[in-house]
Amino acid sequence: MNCCTRESIERQFDRAEVNRMIRRFRRRGPDRTTKILIESLQAAGAGESLLDIGGGIGAIHHALLDGPVRDAVEVDISAASIAAAEEETRQRGHEGRVRFVHGDFVDLATTIPASDIVTLDRVICCYPDMKRLVAVSAEKTKRVYGAVYPRESWWMRSSVWLVNQWLRLIRSDFRAYLHSPRAIARVLLDNGLDLRSQRRTIAWEISVFTRRVPTT
């Protein structure tokens, strides 16, 4: 990802936007698709360590740290998101159990250890180089990989196009991407992960993959 794209994500998820998100989270809890992802991870018996890529305000690790997950790493390009997630982590009594990393996960991957669980909740659709992001994040997965990304349908293609037209109109450099769910699954399969569960809403696919057990 080039520096202009990173800067556009920082501007899109600035303090005002993140404050709106954290207020909503405190009133209502995680968004519907995030709740589904959390439930699917729990059903998969995910593990004790979590790597949350593009974790935003930290909705996933806030929930999983109340369960079997012992520690987590959150990586996010948005400094405002990191600050909000850190504050919420302190308020929930999870301080010291989460490591926060500000930056582009793909650039920082060599400094981040593998985890039992890796999550990308509505992150792939913000990243132009899907194959690289998915492949590098898959390499960090010991057991379970969970992701939420747009469905490939005419209404989602239209929605993404309209969103990007609006962003151009307001002179924002941020862009949304509708990467093929089949192509995403293929990258994960090529990296030793098999589909365990999948649920859909009208707009999103919520998929959980598990590490393939080597045959002897």
C-alpha atoms as a PDB file:
ATOM      1  CA  MET A   1       0.000   0.000   0.000  1.00  0.00           C
ATOM      2  CA  ASN A   2       1.420   3.391  -0.931  1.00  0.00           C
ATOM      3  CA  CYS A   3       1.639   6.307   1.486  1.00  0.00           C
ATOM      4  CA  CYS A   4      -1.260   8.146  -0.170  1.00  0.00           C
ATOM      5  CA  THR A   5      -3.570   5.192   0.454  1.00  0.00           C
ATOM      6  CA  ARG A   6      -2.475   4.952   4.100  1.00  0.00           C
ATOM      7  CA  GLU A   7      -3.086   8.657   4.551  1.00  0.00           C
ATOM      8  CA  SER A   8      -6.543   8.365   2.985  1.00  0.00           C
ATOM      9  CA  ILE A   9      -7.474   5.661   5.517  1.00  0.00           C
ATOM     10  CA  GLU A  10      -6.186   7.844   8.366  1.00  0.00           C
ATOM     11  CA  ARG A  11      -8.371  10.692   7.121  1.00  0.00           C
ATOM     12  CA  GLN A  12     -11.421   8.465   6.600  1.00  0.00           C
ATOM     13  CA  PHE A  13     -11.193   7.050  10.115  1.00  0.00           C
ATOM     14  CA  ASP A  14     -10.287  10.280  11.850  1.00  0.00           C
ATOM     15  CA  ARG A  15     -11.108  11.291  15.419  1.00  0.00           C
ATOM     16  CA  ALA A  16     -14.629  12.514  14.570  1.00  0.00           C
ATOM     17  CA  GLU A  17     -15.564   9.295  12.771  1.00  0.00           C
ATOM     18  CA  VAL A  18     -14.018   7.076  15.436  1.00  0.00           C
ATOM     19  CA  ASN A  19     -15.779   9.011  18.216  1.00  0.00           C
ATOM     20  CA  ARG A  20     -19.081   8.370  16.429  1.00  0.00           C
ATOM     21  CA  MET A  21     -18.239   4.661  16.172  1.00  0.00           C
ATOM     22  CA  ILE A  22     -17.263   4.305  19.835  1.00  0.00           C
ATOM     23  CA  ARG A  23     -20.430   6.081  21.016  1.00  0.00           C
ATOM     24  CA  ARG A  24     -22.537   3.706  18.955  1.00  0.00           C
ATOM     25  CA  PHE A  25     -20.563   0.701  20.214  1.00  0.00           C
ATOM     26  CA  ARG A  26     -21.104   1.706  23.831  1.00  0.00           C
ATOM     27  CA  ARG A  27     -24.854   2.085  23.251  1.00  0.00           C
ATOM     28  CA  ARG A  28     -25.507  -0.978  21.094  1.00  0.00           C
ATOM     29  CA  GLY A  29     -22.462  -3.245  21.203  1.00  0.00           C
ATOM     30  CA  PRO A  30     -20.839  -4.684  18.065  1.00  0.00           C
ATOM     31  CA  ASP A  31     -22.452  -4.348  14.639  1.00  0.00           C
ATOM     32  CA  ARG A  32     -24.531  -7.303  13.461  1.00  0.00           C
ATOM     33  CA  THR A  33     -21.863  -8.766  11.186  1.00  0.00           C
ATOM     34  CA  THR A  34     -19.228  -8.404  13.906  1.00  0.00           C
ATOM     35  CA  LYS A  35     -21.509 -10.248  16.337  1.00  0.00           C
ATOM     36  CA  ILE A  36     -21.929 -13.054  13.807  1.00  0.00           C
ATOM     37  CA  LEU A  37     -18.158 -13.253  13.323  1.00  0.00           C
ATOM     38  CA  ILE A  38     -17.552 -13.394  17.087  1.00  0.00           C
ATOM     39  CA  GLU A  39     -20.162 -16.151  17.483  1.00  0.00           C
ATOM     40  CA  SER A  40     -18.630 -18.112  14.608  1.00  0.00           C
ATOM     41  CA  LEU A  41     -15.140 -17.826  16.098  1.00  0.00           C
ATOM     42  CA  GLN A  42     -16.412 -19.000  19.482  1.00  0.00           C
ATOM     43  CA  ALA A  43     -18.161 -21.956  17.827  1.00  0.00           C
ATOM     44  CA  ALA A  44     -14.869 -22.884  16.150  1.00  0.00           C
ATOM     45  CA  GLY A  45     -13.124 -23.155  19.536  1.00  0.00           C
ATOM     46  CA  ALA A  46     -10.723 -20.539  18.320  1.00  0.00           C
ATOM     47  CA  GLY A  47      -7.801 -20.495  20.767  1.00  0.00           C
ATOM     48  CA  GLU A  48      -5.955 -18.319  23.272  1.00  0.00           C
ATOM     49  CA  SER A  49      -4.228 -15.653  21.147  1.00  0.00           C
ATOM     50  CA  LEU A  50      -5.756 -13.168  18.705  1.00  0.00           C
ATOM     51  CA  LEU A  51      -4.379 -10.993  15.914  1.00  0.00           C
ATOM     52  CA  ASP A  52      -7.020  -8.434  14.917  1.00  0.00           C
ATOM     53  CA  ILE A  53      -5.984  -6.703  11.691  1.00  0.00           C
ATOM     54  CA  GLY A  54      -7.695  -3.380  11.091  1.00  0.00           C
ATOM     55  CA  GLY A  55      -9.348  -3.873  14.464  1.00  0.00           C
ATOM     56  CA  GLY A  56     -10.766  -0.362  14.679  1.00  0.00           C
ATOM     57  CA  ILE A  57     -12.278   0.359  18.086  1.00  0.00           C
ATOM     58  CA  GLY A  58     -11.502  -3.205  19.176  1.00  0.00           C
ATOM     59  CA  ALA A  59     -14.975  -4.776  19.185  1.00  0.00           C
ATOM     60  CA  ILE A  60     -13.637  -8.279  18.491  1.00  0.00           C
ATOM     61  CA  HIS A  61     -10.917  -8.397  21.106  1.00  0.00           C
ATOM     62  CA  HIS A  62     -13.155  -6.704  23.695  1.00  0.00           C
ATOM     63  CA  ALA A  63     -15.552  -9.643  23.320  1.00  0.00           C
ATOM     64  CA  LEU A  64     -13.050 -12.473  23.011  1.00  0.00           C
ATOM     65  CA  LEU A  65     -10.912 -11.344  25.958  1.00  0.00           C
ATOM     66  CA  ASP A  66     -13.969 -11.945  28.157  1.00  0.00           C
ATOM     67  CA  GLY A  67     -13.770 -15.577  27.029  1.00  0.00           C
ATOM     68  CA  PRO A  68     -10.922 -18.000  26.363  1.00  0.00           C
ATOM     69  CA  VAL A  69      -8.602 -15.571  24.577  1.00  0.00           C
ATOM     70  CA  ARG A  70      -5.635 -14.723  26.794  1.00  0.00           C
ATOM     71  CA  ASP A  71      -3.947 -11.943  24.811  1.00  0.00           C
ATOM     72  CA  ALA A  72      -4.396  -9.983  21.602  1.00  0.00           C
ATOM     73  CA  VAL A  73      -2.580  -7.803  19.088  1.00  0.00           C
ATOM     74  CA  GLU A  74      -4.468  -5.094  17.232  1.00  0.00           C
ATOM     75  CA  VAL A  75      -2.924  -3.553  14.105  1.00  0.00           C
ATOM     76  CA  ASP A  76      -4.586  -0.531  12.524  1.00  0.00           C
ATOM     77  CA  ILE A  77      -3.577   2.227  10.114  1.00  0.00           C
ATOM     78  CA  SER A  78      -5.853   4.711  11.904  1.00  0.00           C
ATOM     79  CA  ALA A  79      -4.202   6.343  14.916  1.00  0.00           C
ATOM     80  CA  ALA A  80      -7.607   7.563  16.106  1.00  0.00           C
ATOM     81  CA  SER A  81      -8.918   3.987  16.104  1.00  0.00           C
ATOM     82  CA  ILE A  82      -5.919   2.765  18.093  1.00  0.00           C
ATOM     83  CA  ALA A  83      -6.400   5.522  20.684  1.00  0.00           C
ATOM     84  CA  ALA A  84     -10.110   4.713  21.092  1.00  0.00           C
ATOM     85  CA  ALA A  85      -9.458   0.972  21.336  1.00  0.00           C
ATOM     86  CA  GLU A  86      -6.759   1.530  23.969  1.00  0.00           C
ATOM     87  CA  GLU A  87      -9.101   3.653  26.084  1.00  0.00           C
ATOM     88  CA  GLU A  88     -11.918   1.112  25.819  1.00  0.00           C
ATOM     89  CA  THR A  89      -9.495  -1.675  26.701  1.00  0.00           C
ATOM     90  CA  ARG A  90      -8.510   0.139  29.898  1.00  0.00           C
ATOM     91  CA  GLN A  91     -12.135   0.726  30.836  1.00  0.00           C
ATOM     92  CA  ARG A  92     -12.908  -2.971  30.380  1.00  0.00           C
ATOM     93  CA  GLY A  93     -10.032  -4.086  32.600  1.00  0.00           C
ATOM     94  CA  HIS A  94      -8.048  -5.678  29.756  1.00  0.00           C
ATOM     95  CA  GLU A  95      -5.070  -3.363  30.021  1.00  0.00           C
ATOM     96  CA  GLY A  96      -1.806  -5.261  29.602  1.00  0.00           C
ATOM     97  CA  ARG A  97      -3.436  -8.033  27.570  1.00  0.00           C
ATOM     98  CA  VAL A  98      -3.543  -6.162  24.245  1.00  0.00           C
ATOM     99  CA  ARG A  99      -0.594  -4.914  22.206  1.00  0.00           C
ATOM    100  CA  PHE A 100      -1.506  -2.058  19.872  1.00  0.00           C
ATOM    101  CA  VAL A 101       0.432  -1.508  16.649  1.00  0.00           C
ATOM    102  CA  HIS A 102      -0.119   1.562  14.486  1.00  0.00           C
ATOM    103  CA  GLY A 103       0.543   1.024  10.785  1.00  0.00           C
ATOM    104  CA  ASP A 104      -0.059  -1.115   7.720  1.00  0.00           C
ATOM    105  CA  PHE A 105      -0.108  -4.779   8.728  1.00  0.00           C
ATOM    106  CA  VAL A 106       1.442  -5.927   5.444  1.00  0.00           C
ATOM    107  CA  ASP A 107       4.457  -3.676   6.024  1.00  0.00           C
ATOM    108  CA  LEU A 108       4.758  -4.716   9.675  1.00  0.00           C
ATOM    109  CA  ALA A 109       4.021  -8.439   9.362  1.00  0.00           C
ATOM    110  CA  THR A 110       7.587  -9.599   9.993  1.00  0.00           C
ATOM    111  CA  THR A 111       7.472  -7.960  13.448  1.00  0.00           C
ATOM    112  CA  ILE A 112       4.171  -9.559  14.472  1.00  0.00           C
ATOM    113  CA  PRO A 113       3.992 -13.145  15.780  1.00  0.00           C
ATOM    114  CA  ALA A 114       1.506 -15.751  14.601  1.00  0.00           C
ATOM    115  CA  SER A 115      -1.715 -16.172  16.597  1.00  0.00           C
ATOM    116  CA  ASP A 116      -4.301 -18.883  17.098  1.00  0.00           C
ATOM    117  CA  ILE A 117      -6.936 -16.553  15.632  1.00  0.00           C
ATOM    118  CA  VAL A 118      -6.595 -13.917  12.912  1.00  0.00           C
ATOM    119  CA  THR A 119      -9.490 -11.596  12.091  1.00  0.00           C
ATOM    120  CA  LEU A 120     -10.168  -9.022   9.371  1.00  0.00           C
ATOM    121  CA  ASP A 121     -13.590  -7.489   9.963  1.00  0.00           C
ATOM    122  CA  ARG A 122     -14.554  -5.340   6.941  1.00  0.00           C
ATOM    123  CA  VAL A 123     -10.877  -4.694   6.257  1.00  0.00           C
ATOM    124  CA  ILE A 124     -10.248  -6.493   2.957  1.00  0.00           C
ATOM    125  CA  CYS A 125     -12.700  -4.123   1.256  1.00  0.00           C
ATOM    126  CA  CYS A 126     -10.554  -1.146   2.323  1.00  0.00           C
ATOM    127  CA  TYR A 127      -7.322  -2.564   0.917  1.00  0.00           C
ATOM    128  CA  PRO A 128      -6.353  -2.382  -2.768  1.00  0.00           C
ATOM    129  CA  ASP A 129      -3.950  -5.361  -2.820  1.00  0.00           C
ATOM    130  CA  MET A 130      -6.269  -8.128  -1.649  1.00  0.00           C
ATOM    131  CA  LYS A 131      -4.030 -11.048  -2.553  1.00  0.00           C
ATOM    132  CA  ARG A 132      -1.065  -9.745  -0.589  1.00  0.00           C
ATOM    133  CA  LEU A 133      -3.108  -8.788   2.481  1.00  0.00           C
ATOM    134  CA  VAL A 134      -4.943 -12.120   2.608  1.00  0.00           C
ATOM    135  CA  ALA A 135      -1.843 -14.217   1.933  1.00  0.00           C
ATOM    136  CA  VAL A 136       0.310 -12.464   4.540  1.00  0.00           C
ATOM    137  CA  SER A 137      -2.459 -12.556   7.154  1.00  0.00           C
ATOM    138  CA  ALA A 138      -3.095 -16.247   6.427  1.00  0.00           C
ATOM    139  CA  GLU A 139       0.557 -16.981   7.188  1.00  0.00           C
ATOM    140  CA  LYS A 140      -0.023 -15.637  10.715  1.00  0.00           C
ATOM    141  CA  THR A 141      -2.912 -18.002  11.411  1.00  0.00           C
ATOM    142  CA  LYS A 142      -2.219 -21.021  13.608  1.00  0.00           C
ATOM    143  CA  ARG A 143      -5.796 -22.267  13.884  1.00  0.00           C
ATOM    144  CA  VAL A 144      -8.690 -20.011  12.831  1.00  0.00           C
ATOM    145  CA  TYR A 145      -9.120 -17.181  10.317  1.00  0.00           C
ATOM    146  CA  GLY A 146     -12.245 -15.024  10.359  1.00  0.00           C
ATOM    147  CA  ALA A 147     -13.148 -12.324   7.844  1.00  0.00           C
ATOM    148  CA  VAL A 148     -16.074 -10.139   6.834  1.00  0.00           C
ATOM    149  CA  TYR A 149     -16.142  -8.786   3.288  1.00  0.00           C
ATOM    150  CA  PRO A 150     -18.761  -7.638   0.739  1.00  0.00           C
ATOM    151  CA  ARG A 151     -20.849 -10.139  -1.193  1.00  0.00           C
ATOM    152  CA  GLU A 152     -20.315 -10.224  -4.928  1.00  0.00           C
ATOM    153  CA  SER A 153     -23.715  -9.169  -6.239  1.00  0.00           C
ATOM    154  CA  TRP A 154     -25.099  -6.530  -8.543  1.00  0.00           C
ATOM    155  CA  TRP A 155     -26.460  -4.506  -5.639  1.00  0.00           C
ATOM    156  CA  MET A 156     -23.098  -4.513  -3.851  1.00  0.00           C
ATOM    157  CA  ARG A 157     -21.260  -3.576  -7.046  1.00  0.00           C
ATOM    158  CA  SER A 158     -23.688  -0.682  -7.399  1.00  0.00           C
ATOM    159  CA  SER A 159     -23.315   0.282  -3.752  1.00  0.00           C
ATOM    160  CA  VAL A 160     -19.520   0.303  -3.892  1.00  0.00           C
ATOM    161  CA  TRP A 161     -19.626   2.351  -7.106  1.00  0.00           C
ATOM    162  CA  LEU A 162     -21.968   4.898  -5.507  1.00  0.00           C
ATOM    163  CA  VAL A 163     -19.820   5.118  -2.376  1.00  0.00           C
ATOM    164  CA  ASN A 164     -16.725   5.765  -4.465  1.00  0.00           C
ATOM    165  CA  GLN A 165     -18.544   8.382  -6.566  1.00  0.00           C
ATOM    166  CA  TRP A 166     -19.529  10.174  -3.376  1.00  0.00           C
ATOM    167  CA  LEU A 167     -15.948   9.997  -2.101  1.00  0.00           C
ATOM    168  CA  ARG A 168     -14.720  11.553  -5.342  1.00  0.00           C
ATOM    169  CA  LEU A 169     -17.358  14.279  -5.047  1.00  0.00           C
ATOM    170  CA  ILE A 170     -16.188  15.242  -1.562  1.00  0.00           C
ATOM    171  CA  ARG A 171     -12.545  14.982  -2.740  1.00  0.00           C
ATOM    172  CA  SER A 172     -11.640  12.069  -0.509  1.00  0.00           C
ATOM    173  CA  ASP A 173      -8.861   9.756  -1.686  1.00  0.00           C
ATOM    174  CA  PHE A 174     -10.302   6.823   0.264  1.00  0.00           C
ATOM    175  CA  ARG A 175     -11.825   4.034  -1.856  1.00  0.00           C
ATOM    176  CA  ALA A 176     -13.855   0.902  -1.180  1.00  0.00           C
ATOM    177  CA  TYR A 177     -13.123  -2.344  -3.048  1.00  0.00           C
ATOM    178  CA  LEU A 178     -15.302  -5.307  -3.934  1.00  0.00           C
ATOM    179  CA  HIS A 179     -12.806  -8.141  -4.170  1.00  0.00           C
ATOM    180  CA  SER A 180     -14.147 -11.464  -5.395  1.00  0.00           C
ATOM    181  CA  PRO A 181     -15.111 -13.726  -2.454  1.00  0.00           C
ATOM    182  CA  ARG A 182     -14.022 -16.712  -4.561  1.00  0.00           C
ATOM    183  CA  ALA A 183     -10.617 -15.132  -5.087  1.00  0.00           C
ATOM    184  CA  ILE A 184     -10.300 -14.468  -1.354  1.00  0.00           C
ATOM    185  CA  ALA A 185     -11.185 -18.091  -0.587  1.00  0.00           C
ATOM    186  CA  ARG A 186      -8.674 -19.312  -3.173  1.00  0.00           C
ATOM    187  CA  VAL A 187      -5.822 -17.381  -1.528  1.00  0.00           C
ATOM    188  CA  LEU A 188      -6.758 -18.864   1.845  1.00  0.00           C
ATOM    189  CA  LEU A 189      -7.033 -22.388   0.447  1.00  0.00           C
ATOM    190  CA  ASP A 190      -3.612 -21.990  -1.179  1.00  0.00           C
ATOM    191  CA  ASN A 191      -2.258 -21.036   2.247  1.00  0.00           C
ATOM    192  CA  GLY A 192      -3.534 -24.164   4.011  1.00  0.00           C
ATOM    193  CA  LEU A 193      -6.916 -22.962   5.293  1.00  0.00           C
ATOM    194  CA  ASP A 194     -10.267 -24.632   4.667  1.00  0.00           C
ATOM    195  CA  LEU A 195     -13.722 -23.072   4.931  1.00  0.00           C
ATOM    196  CA  ARG A 196     -15.437 -24.065   8.184  1.00  0.00           C
ATOM    197  CA  SER A 197     -18.519 -21.859   8.228  1.00  0.00           C
ATOM    198  CA  GLN A 198     -20.082 -19.075   6.224  1.00  0.00           C
ATOM    199  CA  ARG A 199     -23.044 -16.812   6.849  1.00  0.00           C
ATOM    200  CA  ARG A 200     -24.433 -14.001   4.724  1.00  0.00           C
ATOM    201  CA  THR A 201     -26.391 -10.812   5.188  1.00  0.00           C
ATOM    202  CA  ILE A 202     -27.769  -8.827   2.289  1.00  0.00           C
ATOM    203  CA  ALA A 203     -24.429  -7.007   1.981  1.00  0.00           C
ATOM    204  CA  TRP A 204     -21.740  -9.112   3.676  1.00  0.00           C
ATOM    205  CA  GLU A 205     -20.169 -12.541   3.844  1.00  0.00           C
ATOM    206  CA  ILE A 206     -18.936 -13.696   7.260  1.00  0.00           C
ATOM    207  CA  SER A 207     -16.490 -16.549   6.745  1.00  0.00           C
ATOM    208  CA  VAL A 208     -14.410 -18.635   9.132  1.00  0.00           C
ATOM    209  CA  PHE A 209     -11.542 -20.815   7.876  1.00  0.00           C
ATOM    210  CA  THR A 210      -9.493 -23.296   9.882  1.00  0.00           C
ATOM    211  CA  ARG A 211      -5.912 -24.469   9.468  1.00  0.00           C
ATOM    212  CA  ARG A 212      -5.731 -27.691   7.490  1.00  0.00           C
ATOM    213  CA  VAL A 213      -4.386 -30.631   9.463  1.00  0.00           C
ATOM    214  CA  PRO A 214      -1.466 -32.162   7.549  1.00  0.00           C
ATOM    215  CA  THR A 215      -2.105 -35.734   6.402  1.00  0.00           C
ATOM    216  CA  THR A 216       0.460 -38.386   7.245  1.00  0.00           C
END
